[in-house]
C-alpha atoms as a PDB file:
ATOM      1  CA  UNK A   1     172.548 106.167  92.215  1.00  0.00           C
ATOM      2  CA  UNK A   2     168.856 107.038  92.234  1.00  0.00           C
ATOM      3  CA  UNK A   3     169.202 108.747  95.630  1.00  0.00           C
ATOM      4  CA  UNK A   4     171.700 111.386  94.525  1.00  0.00           C
ATOM      5  CA  UNK A   5     169.131 113.945  93.286  1.00  0.00           C
ATOM      6  CA  UNK A   6     167.394 114.062  96.668  1.00  0.00           C
ATOM      7  CA  UNK A   7     170.626 113.996  98.686  1.00  0.00           C
ATOM      8  CA  UNK A   8     172.181 116.773  96.612  1.00  0.00           C
ATOM      9  CA  UNK A   9     169.027 118.881  96.671  1.00  0.00           C
ATOM     10  CA  UNK A  10     168.801 118.533 100.435  1.00  0.00           C
ATOM     11  CA  UNK A  11     172.334 119.956 100.701  1.00  0.00           C
ATOM     12  CA  UNK A  12     171.232 123.057  98.785  1.00  0.00           C
ATOM     13  CA  UNK A  13     168.022 123.259 100.819  1.00  0.00           C
ATOM     14  CA  UNK A  14     170.016 123.219 104.049  1.00  0.00           C
ATOM     15  CA  UNK A  15     172.355 125.894 102.699  1.00  0.00           C
ATOM     16  CA  UNK A  16     169.368 128.008 101.649  1.00  0.00           C
ATOM     17  CA  UNK A  17     167.824 127.739 105.096  1.00  0.00           C
ATOM     18  CA  UNK A  18     171.048 128.185 107.091  1.00  0.00           C
ATOM     19  CA  UNK A  19     173.201 130.684 105.202  1.00  0.00           C
ATOM     20  CA  UNK A  20     172.781 134.260 104.152  1.00  0.00           C
ATOM     21  CA  UNK A  21     175.887 134.286 101.941  1.00  0.00           C
ATOM     22  CA  UNK A  22     173.864 134.475  98.720  1.00  0.00           C
ATOM     23  CA  UNK A  23     170.336 135.343  97.711  1.00  0.00           C
ATOM     24  CA  UNK A  24     168.133 132.400  98.714  1.00  0.00           C
ATOM     25  CA  UNK A  25     166.859 132.249  95.098  1.00  0.00           C
ATOM     26  CA  UNK A  26     170.274 130.965  94.005  1.00  0.00           C
ATOM     27  CA  UNK A  27     170.002 128.037  96.405  1.00  0.00           C
ATOM     28  CA  UNK A  28     166.414 127.349  95.338  1.00  0.00           C
ATOM     29  CA  UNK A  29     167.441 127.165  91.672  1.00  0.00           C
ATOM     30  CA  UNK A  30     170.367 124.875  92.550  1.00  0.00           C
ATOM     31  CA  UNK A  31     168.027 122.741  94.650  1.00  0.00           C
ATOM     32  CA  UNK A  32     165.480 122.442  91.810  1.00  0.00           C
ATOM     33  CA  UNK A  33     168.152 121.533  89.264  1.00  0.00           C
ATOM     34  CA  UNK A  34     169.658 118.919  91.532  1.00  0.00           C
ATOM     35  CA  UNK A  35     166.385 117.426  92.761  1.00  0.00           C
ATOM     36  CA  UNK A  36     164.615 117.175  89.385  1.00  0.00           C
ATOM     37  CA  UNK A  37     167.276 116.770  86.643  1.00  0.00           C
ATOM     38  CA  UNK A  38     166.559 113.022  86.338  1.00  0.00           C
ATOM     39  CA  UNK A  39     162.812 113.430  85.931  1.00  0.00           C
ATOM     40  CA  UNK A  40     161.609 112.619  82.434  1.00  0.00           C
ATOM     41  CA  UNK A  41     159.150 114.395  80.152  1.00  0.00           C
ATOM     42  CA  UNK A  42     157.093 111.167  79.959  1.00  0.00           C
ATOM     43  CA  UNK A  43     156.960 110.742  83.743  1.00  0.00           C
ATOM     44  CA  UNK A  44     159.247 107.693  83.876  1.00  0.00           C
ATOM     45  CA  UNK A  45     162.128 109.468  85.612  1.00  0.00           C
ATOM     46  CA  UNK A  46     163.135 109.673  89.251  1.00  0.00           C
ATOM     47  CA  UNK A  47     162.958 110.424  92.130  1.00  0.00           C
ATOM     48  CA  UNK A  48     159.332 111.636  91.950  1.00  0.00           C
ATOM     49  CA  UNK A  49     158.008 110.540  88.558  1.00  0.00           C
ATOM     50  CA  UNK A  50     157.118 114.095  87.522  1.00  0.00           C
ATOM     51  CA  UNK A  51     156.119 114.626  83.893  1.00  0.00           C
ATOM     52  CA  UNK A  52     156.055 117.460  81.401  1.00  0.00           C
ATOM     53  CA  UNK A  53     155.575 120.920  82.835  1.00  0.00           C
ATOM     54  CA  UNK A  54     155.468 119.548  86.395  1.00  0.00           C
ATOM     55  CA  UNK A  55     159.267 119.453  86.137  1.00  0.00           C
ATOM     56  CA  UNK A  56     160.808 122.861  86.898  1.00  0.00           C
ATOM     57  CA  UNK A  57     162.117 124.611  83.787  1.00  0.00           C
ATOM     58  CA  UNK A  58     165.674 124.846  85.111  1.00  0.00           C
ATOM     59  CA  UNK A  59     165.780 121.071  85.597  1.00  0.00           C
ATOM     60  CA  UNK A  60     164.408 120.458  82.077  1.00  0.00           C
ATOM     61  CA  UNK A  61     167.116 122.731  80.646  1.00  0.00           C
ATOM     62  CA  UNK A  62     169.908 121.078  82.604  1.00  0.00           C
ATOM     63  CA  UNK A  63     168.602 117.612  81.693  1.00  0.00           C
ATOM     64  CA  UNK A  64     169.310 118.282  77.998  1.00  0.00           C
ATOM     65  CA  UNK A  65     172.804 119.568  78.778  1.00  0.00           C
ATOM     66  CA  UNK A  66     173.442 116.672  81.167  1.00  0.00           C
ATOM     67  CA  UNK A  67     172.388 114.057  78.623  1.00  0.00           C
ATOM     68  CA  UNK A  68     174.473 115.712  75.905  1.00  0.00           C
ATOM     69  CA  UNK A  69     177.514 115.818  78.189  1.00  0.00           C
ATOM     70  CA  UNK A  70     177.061 112.175  79.197  1.00  0.00           C
ATOM     71  CA  UNK A  71     176.788 111.108  75.562  1.00  0.00           C
ATOM     72  CA  UNK A  72     179.588 113.205  74.112  1.00  0.00           C
ATOM     73  CA  UNK A  73     182.103 112.607  76.904  1.00  0.00           C
ATOM     74  CA  UNK A  74     184.356 109.600  77.310  1.00  0.00           C
ATOM     75  CA  UNK A  75     183.658 107.737  80.534  1.00  0.00           C
ATOM     76  CA  UNK A  76     185.557 104.916  82.191  1.00  0.00           C
ATOM     77  CA  UNK A  77     182.766 102.565  81.109  1.00  0.00           C
ATOM     78  CA  UNK A  78     182.190 103.851  77.532  1.00  0.00           C
ATOM     79  CA  UNK A  79     183.739 105.811  74.677  1.00  0.00           C
ATOM     80  CA  UNK A  80     182.376 109.220  73.722  1.00  0.00           C
ATOM     81  CA  UNK A  81     179.715 109.397  71.032  1.00  0.00           C
ATOM     82  CA  UNK A  82     180.468 111.812  68.202  1.00  0.00           C
ATOM     83  CA  UNK A  83     178.842 115.226  68.197  1.00  0.00           C
ATOM     84  CA  UNK A  84     176.434 114.139  65.450  1.00  0.00           C
ATOM     85  CA  UNK A  85     175.532 110.881  67.201  1.00  0.00           C
ATOM     86  CA  UNK A  86     174.930 112.773  70.441  1.00  0.00           C
ATOM     87  CA  UNK A  87     172.607 115.237  68.695  1.00  0.00           C
ATOM     88  CA  UNK A  88     170.669 112.376  67.096  1.00  0.00           C
ATOM     89  CA  UNK A  89     170.216 110.626  70.437  1.00  0.00           C
ATOM     90  CA  UNK A  90     169.009 113.910  71.963  1.00  0.00           C
ATOM     91  CA  UNK A  91     166.503 114.255  69.084  1.00  0.00           C
ATOM     92  CA  UNK A  92     165.321 110.696  69.650  1.00  0.00           C
ATOM     93  CA  UNK A  93     164.807 111.413  73.362  1.00  0.00           C
ATOM     94  CA  UNK A  94     162.503 114.362  72.606  1.00  0.00           C
ATOM     95  CA  UNK A  95     158.993 113.847  74.006  1.00  0.00           C
ATOM     96  CA  UNK A  96     160.059 110.792  76.009  1.00  0.00           C
ATOM     97  CA  UNK A  97     163.006 111.638  78.204  1.00  0.00           C
ATOM     98  CA  UNK A  98     163.474 115.306  77.302  1.00  0.00           C
ATOM     99  CA  UNK A  99     161.304 118.393  76.904  1.00  0.00           C
ATOM    100  CA  UNK A 100     160.589 118.628  73.145  1.00  0.00           C
ATOM    101  CA  UNK A 101     160.613 122.434  73.177  1.00  0.00           C
ATOM    102  CA  UNK A 102     164.055 122.601  74.773  1.00  0.00           C
ATOM    103  CA  UNK A 103     165.384 119.890  72.448  1.00  0.00           C
ATOM    104  CA  UNK A 104     164.137 121.903  69.461  1.00  0.00           C
ATOM    105  CA  UNK A 105     166.027 125.006  70.611  1.00  0.00           C
ATOM    106  CA  UNK A 106     169.120 122.930  71.422  1.00  0.00           C
ATOM    107  CA  UNK A 107     169.121 121.483  67.901  1.00  0.00           C
ATOM    108  CA  UNK A 108     168.422 124.893  66.311  1.00  0.00           C
ATOM    109  CA  UNK A 109     171.437 126.275  68.176  1.00  0.00           C
ATOM    110  CA  UNK A 110     173.662 123.299  67.352  1.00  0.00           C
ATOM    111  CA  UNK A 111     176.219 125.553  65.622  1.00  0.00           C
ATOM    112  CA  UNK A 112     176.818 127.345  68.915  1.00  0.00           C
ATOM    113  CA  UNK A 113     176.720 124.042  70.805  1.00  0.00           C
ATOM    114  CA  UNK A 114     179.370 122.706  68.403  1.00  0.00           C
ATOM    115  CA  UNK A 115     181.602 125.730  69.024  1.00  0.00           C
ATOM    116  CA  UNK A 116     181.428 125.118  72.789  1.00  0.00           C
ATOM    117  CA  UNK A 117     181.903 121.383  72.268  1.00  0.00           C
ATOM    118  CA  UNK A 118     185.030 122.001  70.165  1.00  0.00           C
ATOM    119  CA  UNK A 119     186.427 124.460  72.709  1.00  0.00           C
ATOM    120  CA  UNK A 120     186.433 121.785  75.387  1.00  0.00           C
ATOM    121  CA  UNK A 121     187.353 118.699  73.356  1.00  0.00           C
END
């Protein structure tokens, strides 16, 4: 499980280096998201133990969305948390797991998040 960020990022890196189908920036962004989305604001994440602003912005943004999706979606091993419970867990993860600035914006925009949530649930 903890190897998937590096393995996935290496796929995008190889695509970036080998293909000219898209602008190489697209592959670099995909690589950064994939490689760093499990890093934590407090430095306790993986695979590199990056902290705070060492983590690329795109990965910090996706981390909030990824955590929200994991919480609010039913999985084979757990039921879905409610929208409100998911938001509260995201708030509680601010400054430890998640970038507090991004969490603040996510919470401020929760009306729009709820509209998207309802469209897909």
